[in-house]
Amino acid sequence: MKVVDIQFDLYCKWSKAPPSYRLYCDDDLLTERTYTFDNRKAFVRELSKVELPVGEYEFVLENLHPELGTFELRNIWIAGKETDTLKFTVA
């Protein structure tokens, strides 16, 4: 098992009511939140530590209310390395 650090900035565009999202590692739910921040001035920096065995993994961001807004991930770091994807390998 290895502890993997995950970090990314989550931006959201919404107007009437804040949307909610879920973050998964493969099929395992890590968190579920409602994005209540002022989207014109703020973003959320997600920081997670997950303990995983050797293998291939993917983080998935699920928008629970796509009719309320959209999400965008930026500045993704997995295991101390910047990346543009949410797929990664634990070696």
N, C-alpha and C. Protein backbone atom coordinates (compact mmCIF):
# COMPACT_ATOMS: atom_id res chain seq x y z
N MET A 1 0.85 -1.19 0.00
CA MET A 1 0.00 0.00 0.00
C MET A 1 0.89 1.24 0.00
N LYS A 2 0.42 2.24 -0.69
CA LYS A 2 1.17 3.49 -0.79
C LYS A 2 0.20 4.65 -0.62
N VAL A 3 0.62 5.68 0.12
CA VAL A 3 -0.19 6.89 0.29
C VAL A 3 0.10 7.81 -0.89
N VAL A 4 -0.97 8.23 -1.57
CA VAL A 4 -0.86 9.08 -2.75
C VAL A 4 -1.54 10.42 -2.43
N ASP A 5 -0.82 11.52 -2.64
CA ASP A 5 -1.37 12.86 -2.45
C ASP A 5 -2.01 13.33 -3.75
N ILE A 6 -3.21 13.87 -3.64
CA ILE A 6 -3.96 14.40 -4.78
C ILE A 6 -4.27 15.86 -4.50
N GLN A 7 -4.04 16.70 -5.48
CA GLN A 7 -4.38 18.12 -5.32
C GLN A 7 -4.85 18.67 -6.66
N PHE A 8 -5.92 19.45 -6.63
CA PHE A 8 -6.36 20.16 -7.83
C PHE A 8 -7.22 21.34 -7.42
N ASP A 9 -7.33 22.29 -8.33
CA ASP A 9 -8.19 23.46 -8.13
C ASP A 9 -9.50 23.20 -8.87
N LEU A 10 -10.61 23.39 -8.18
CA LEU A 10 -11.93 23.16 -8.75
C LEU A 10 -12.63 24.50 -8.95
N TYR A 11 -12.94 24.80 -10.20
CA TYR A 11 -13.67 26.02 -10.54
C TYR A 11 -15.09 25.63 -10.93
N CYS A 12 -16.03 26.52 -10.67
CA CYS A 12 -17.43 26.22 -10.95
C CYS A 12 -18.12 27.48 -11.48
N LYS A 13 -18.93 27.29 -12.51
CA LYS A 13 -19.77 28.37 -13.03
C LYS A 13 -21.21 28.02 -12.69
N TRP A 14 -21.86 28.88 -11.92
CA TRP A 14 -23.25 28.67 -11.56
C TRP A 14 -23.90 30.02 -11.29
N SER A 15 -25.25 30.08 -11.31
CA SER A 15 -25.91 31.36 -11.09
C SER A 15 -27.05 31.27 -10.08
N LYS A 16 -27.99 30.36 -10.25
CA LYS A 16 -29.19 30.36 -9.40
C LYS A 16 -28.99 29.59 -8.09
N ALA A 17 -28.54 28.38 -8.18
CA ALA A 17 -28.34 27.55 -6.99
C ALA A 17 -27.02 26.79 -7.18
N PRO A 18 -26.26 26.62 -6.11
CA PRO A 18 -24.96 25.96 -6.25
C PRO A 18 -25.10 24.46 -6.53
N PRO A 19 -24.33 23.95 -7.49
CA PRO A 19 -24.36 22.52 -7.77
C PRO A 19 -23.52 21.73 -6.78
N SER A 20 -23.75 20.44 -6.75
CA SER A 20 -22.98 19.53 -5.88
C SER A 20 -22.15 18.61 -6.75
N TYR A 21 -21.10 18.07 -6.15
CA TYR A 21 -20.24 17.14 -6.88
C TYR A 21 -19.76 16.03 -5.96
N ARG A 22 -19.35 14.95 -6.60
CA ARG A 22 -18.73 13.83 -5.91
C ARG A 22 -17.38 13.56 -6.54
N LEU A 23 -16.42 13.20 -5.71
CA LEU A 23 -15.09 12.83 -6.17
C LEU A 23 -14.87 11.36 -5.84
N TYR A 24 -14.55 10.57 -6.86
CA TYR A 24 -14.31 9.13 -6.71
C TYR A 24 -12.88 8.80 -7.07
N CYS A 25 -12.35 7.75 -6.47
CA CYS A 25 -11.15 7.08 -6.95
C CYS A 25 -11.65 5.73 -7.43
N ASP A 26 -11.67 5.56 -8.75
CA ASP A 26 -12.35 4.43 -9.38
C ASP A 26 -13.79 4.42 -8.88
N ASP A 27 -14.23 3.39 -8.18
CA ASP A 27 -15.62 3.33 -7.71
C ASP A 27 -15.79 3.73 -6.26
N ASP A 28 -14.71 4.15 -5.61
CA ASP A 28 -14.77 4.50 -4.19
C ASP A 28 -15.00 5.99 -4.00
N LEU A 29 -16.08 6.34 -3.31
CA LEU A 29 -16.42 7.74 -3.05
C LEU A 29 -15.45 8.33 -2.03
N LEU A 30 -14.81 9.45 -2.39
CA LEU A 30 -13.91 10.15 -1.48
C LEU A 30 -14.61 11.30 -0.78
N THR A 31 -15.43 12.04 -1.52
CA THR A 31 -16.12 13.18 -0.92
C THR A 31 -17.33 13.57 -1.76
N GLU A 32 -18.30 14.20 -1.10
CA GLU A 32 -19.45 14.80 -1.78
C GLU A 32 -19.66 16.17 -1.16
N ARG A 33 -19.71 17.19 -2.01
CA ARG A 33 -19.83 18.56 -1.50
C ARG A 33 -20.74 19.39 -2.40
N THR A 34 -21.25 20.45 -1.82
CA THR A 34 -21.97 21.48 -2.58
C THR A 34 -21.06 22.68 -2.71
N TYR A 35 -20.93 23.19 -3.93
CA TYR A 35 -20.04 24.31 -4.22
C TYR A 35 -20.77 25.60 -3.89
N THR A 36 -20.55 26.15 -2.70
CA THR A 36 -21.30 27.33 -2.25
C THR A 36 -20.50 28.62 -2.33
N PHE A 37 -19.34 28.57 -2.95
CA PHE A 37 -18.46 29.74 -2.99
C PHE A 37 -18.85 30.68 -4.12
N ASP A 38 -18.48 31.93 -3.99
CA ASP A 38 -18.72 32.93 -5.03
C ASP A 38 -17.83 32.58 -6.22
N ASN A 39 -18.43 32.08 -7.28
CA ASN A 39 -17.65 31.59 -8.41
C ASN A 39 -16.93 32.68 -9.18
N ARG A 40 -17.23 33.94 -8.93
CA ARG A 40 -16.51 35.02 -9.61
C ARG A 40 -15.19 35.33 -8.91
N LYS A 41 -15.04 34.91 -7.65
CA LYS A 41 -13.87 35.29 -6.87
C LYS A 41 -13.10 34.12 -6.30
N ALA A 42 -13.64 32.92 -6.35
CA ALA A 42 -13.03 31.82 -5.60
C ALA A 42 -12.98 30.53 -6.39
N PHE A 43 -12.14 29.64 -5.91
CA PHE A 43 -12.11 28.25 -6.35
C PHE A 43 -11.82 27.42 -5.12
N VAL A 44 -12.01 26.12 -5.23
CA VAL A 44 -11.74 25.20 -4.13
C VAL A 44 -10.47 24.43 -4.47
N ARG A 45 -9.53 24.40 -3.55
CA ARG A 45 -8.35 23.55 -3.72
C ARG A 45 -8.61 22.26 -2.95
N GLU A 46 -8.83 21.19 -3.69
CA GLU A 46 -9.06 19.88 -3.09
C GLU A 46 -7.71 19.24 -2.77
N LEU A 47 -7.56 18.77 -1.56
CA LEU A 47 -6.36 18.06 -1.12
C LEU A 47 -6.83 16.74 -0.51
N SER A 48 -6.35 15.64 -1.06
CA SER A 48 -6.75 14.33 -0.55
C SER A 48 -5.53 13.44 -0.44
N LYS A 49 -5.58 12.55 0.52
CA LYS A 49 -4.58 11.49 0.65
C LYS A 49 -5.35 10.17 0.58
N VAL A 50 -4.88 9.29 -0.30
CA VAL A 50 -5.52 7.99 -0.42
C VAL A 50 -4.45 6.91 -0.31
N GLU A 51 -4.79 5.83 0.36
CA GLU A 51 -3.87 4.70 0.51
C GLU A 51 -4.32 3.62 -0.47
N LEU A 52 -3.42 3.28 -1.40
CA LEU A 52 -3.78 2.38 -2.49
C LEU A 52 -2.73 1.30 -2.71
N PRO A 53 -3.15 0.13 -3.13
CA PRO A 53 -2.18 -0.89 -3.55
C PRO A 53 -1.67 -0.56 -4.96
N VAL A 54 -0.63 -1.26 -5.37
CA VAL A 54 -0.07 -1.09 -6.71
C VAL A 54 -1.18 -1.32 -7.74
N GLY A 55 -1.24 -0.45 -8.76
CA GLY A 55 -2.24 -0.62 -9.82
C GLY A 55 -2.52 0.67 -10.56
N GLU A 56 -3.48 0.59 -11.47
CA GLU A 56 -3.93 1.72 -12.29
C GLU A 56 -5.20 2.29 -11.68
N TYR A 57 -5.30 3.62 -11.64
CA TYR A 57 -6.45 4.27 -11.02
C TYR A 57 -6.89 5.49 -11.83
N GLU A 58 -8.11 5.93 -11.54
CA GLU A 58 -8.62 7.15 -12.15
C GLU A 58 -9.52 7.87 -11.14
N PHE A 59 -9.29 9.16 -11.02
CA PHE A 59 -10.19 9.98 -10.24
C PHE A 59 -11.29 10.48 -11.16
N VAL A 60 -12.51 10.51 -10.63
CA VAL A 60 -13.67 10.92 -11.41
C VAL A 60 -14.42 11.99 -10.63
N LEU A 61 -14.71 13.09 -11.29
CA LEU A 61 -15.53 14.15 -10.71
C LEU A 61 -16.92 14.06 -11.32
N GLU A 62 -17.93 13.82 -10.48
CA GLU A 62 -19.30 13.68 -10.94
C GLU A 62 -20.08 14.94 -10.56
N ASN A 63 -20.65 15.60 -11.55
CA ASN A 63 -21.51 16.76 -11.32
C ASN A 63 -22.92 16.23 -11.04
N LEU A 64 -23.41 16.44 -9.83
CA LEU A 64 -24.72 15.91 -9.46
C LEU A 64 -25.89 16.73 -9.99
N HIS A 65 -25.61 17.98 -10.39
CA HIS A 65 -26.67 18.86 -10.87
C HIS A 65 -26.18 19.64 -12.10
N PRO A 66 -25.97 18.97 -13.24
CA PRO A 66 -25.42 19.66 -14.41
C PRO A 66 -26.30 20.81 -14.91
N GLU A 67 -27.58 20.77 -14.58
CA GLU A 67 -28.46 21.86 -14.98
C GLU A 67 -28.20 23.14 -14.18
N LEU A 68 -27.49 23.02 -13.06
CA LEU A 68 -27.22 24.18 -12.20
C LEU A 68 -25.87 24.84 -12.47
N GLY A 69 -24.94 24.10 -13.07
CA GLY A 69 -23.62 24.68 -13.30
C GLY A 69 -22.64 23.66 -13.85
N THR A 70 -21.44 24.15 -14.14
CA THR A 70 -20.38 23.29 -14.68
C THR A 70 -19.13 23.41 -13.82
N PHE A 71 -18.33 22.35 -13.83
CA PHE A 71 -17.08 22.31 -13.07
C PHE A 71 -15.90 22.19 -14.03
N GLU A 72 -14.77 22.75 -13.60
CA GLU A 72 -13.53 22.63 -14.36
C GLU A 72 -12.38 22.39 -13.39
N LEU A 73 -11.54 21.40 -13.70
CA LEU A 73 -10.36 21.11 -12.88
C LEU A 73 -9.14 21.77 -13.50
N ARG A 74 -8.32 22.38 -12.65
CA ARG A 74 -7.06 22.99 -13.08
C ARG A 74 -5.98 22.66 -12.07
N ASN A 75 -4.73 22.81 -12.49
CA ASN A 75 -3.57 22.63 -11.59
C ASN A 75 -3.63 21.29 -10.85
N ILE A 76 -3.68 20.21 -11.62
CA ILE A 76 -3.80 18.86 -11.06
C ILE A 76 -2.40 18.34 -10.69
N TRP A 77 -2.27 17.86 -9.46
CA TRP A 77 -1.02 17.24 -8.99
C TRP A 77 -1.38 15.89 -8.38
N ILE A 78 -0.71 14.84 -8.83
CA ILE A 78 -0.91 13.50 -8.28
C ILE A 78 0.46 12.95 -7.92
N ALA A 79 0.61 12.54 -6.67
CA ALA A 79 1.87 11.98 -6.17
C ALA A 79 3.05 12.92 -6.43
N GLY A 80 2.82 14.22 -6.22
CA GLY A 80 3.89 15.21 -6.35
C GLY A 80 4.25 15.60 -7.76
N LYS A 81 3.46 15.15 -8.75
CA LYS A 81 3.75 15.48 -10.15
C LYS A 81 2.56 16.16 -10.78
N GLU A 82 2.83 17.27 -11.49
CA GLU A 82 1.76 17.97 -12.19
C GLU A 82 1.34 17.15 -13.41
N THR A 83 0.03 17.12 -13.67
CA THR A 83 -0.50 16.33 -14.77
C THR A 83 -1.72 17.02 -15.35
N ASP A 84 -2.14 16.60 -16.53
CA ASP A 84 -3.36 17.14 -17.12
C ASP A 84 -4.45 16.06 -17.20
N THR A 85 -4.24 14.96 -16.49
CA THR A 85 -5.20 13.86 -16.48
C THR A 85 -5.44 13.38 -15.05
N LEU A 86 -6.54 12.70 -14.84
CA LEU A 86 -6.86 12.16 -13.53
C LEU A 86 -6.57 10.66 -13.45
N LYS A 87 -5.91 10.12 -14.50
CA LYS A 87 -5.49 8.72 -14.49
C LYS A 87 -4.06 8.66 -13.97
N PHE A 88 -3.78 7.64 -13.15
CA PHE A 88 -2.44 7.52 -12.59
C PHE A 88 -2.13 6.09 -12.21
N THR A 89 -0.86 5.83 -11.99
CA THR A 89 -0.38 4.50 -11.62
C THR A 89 0.31 4.56 -10.28
N VAL A 90 0.01 3.60 -9.42
CA VAL A 90 0.72 3.44 -8.16
C VAL A 90 1.69 2.27 -8.37
N ALA A 91 2.98 2.57 -8.22
CA ALA A 91 4.00 1.53 -8.46
C ALA A 91 4.66 1.11 -7.16
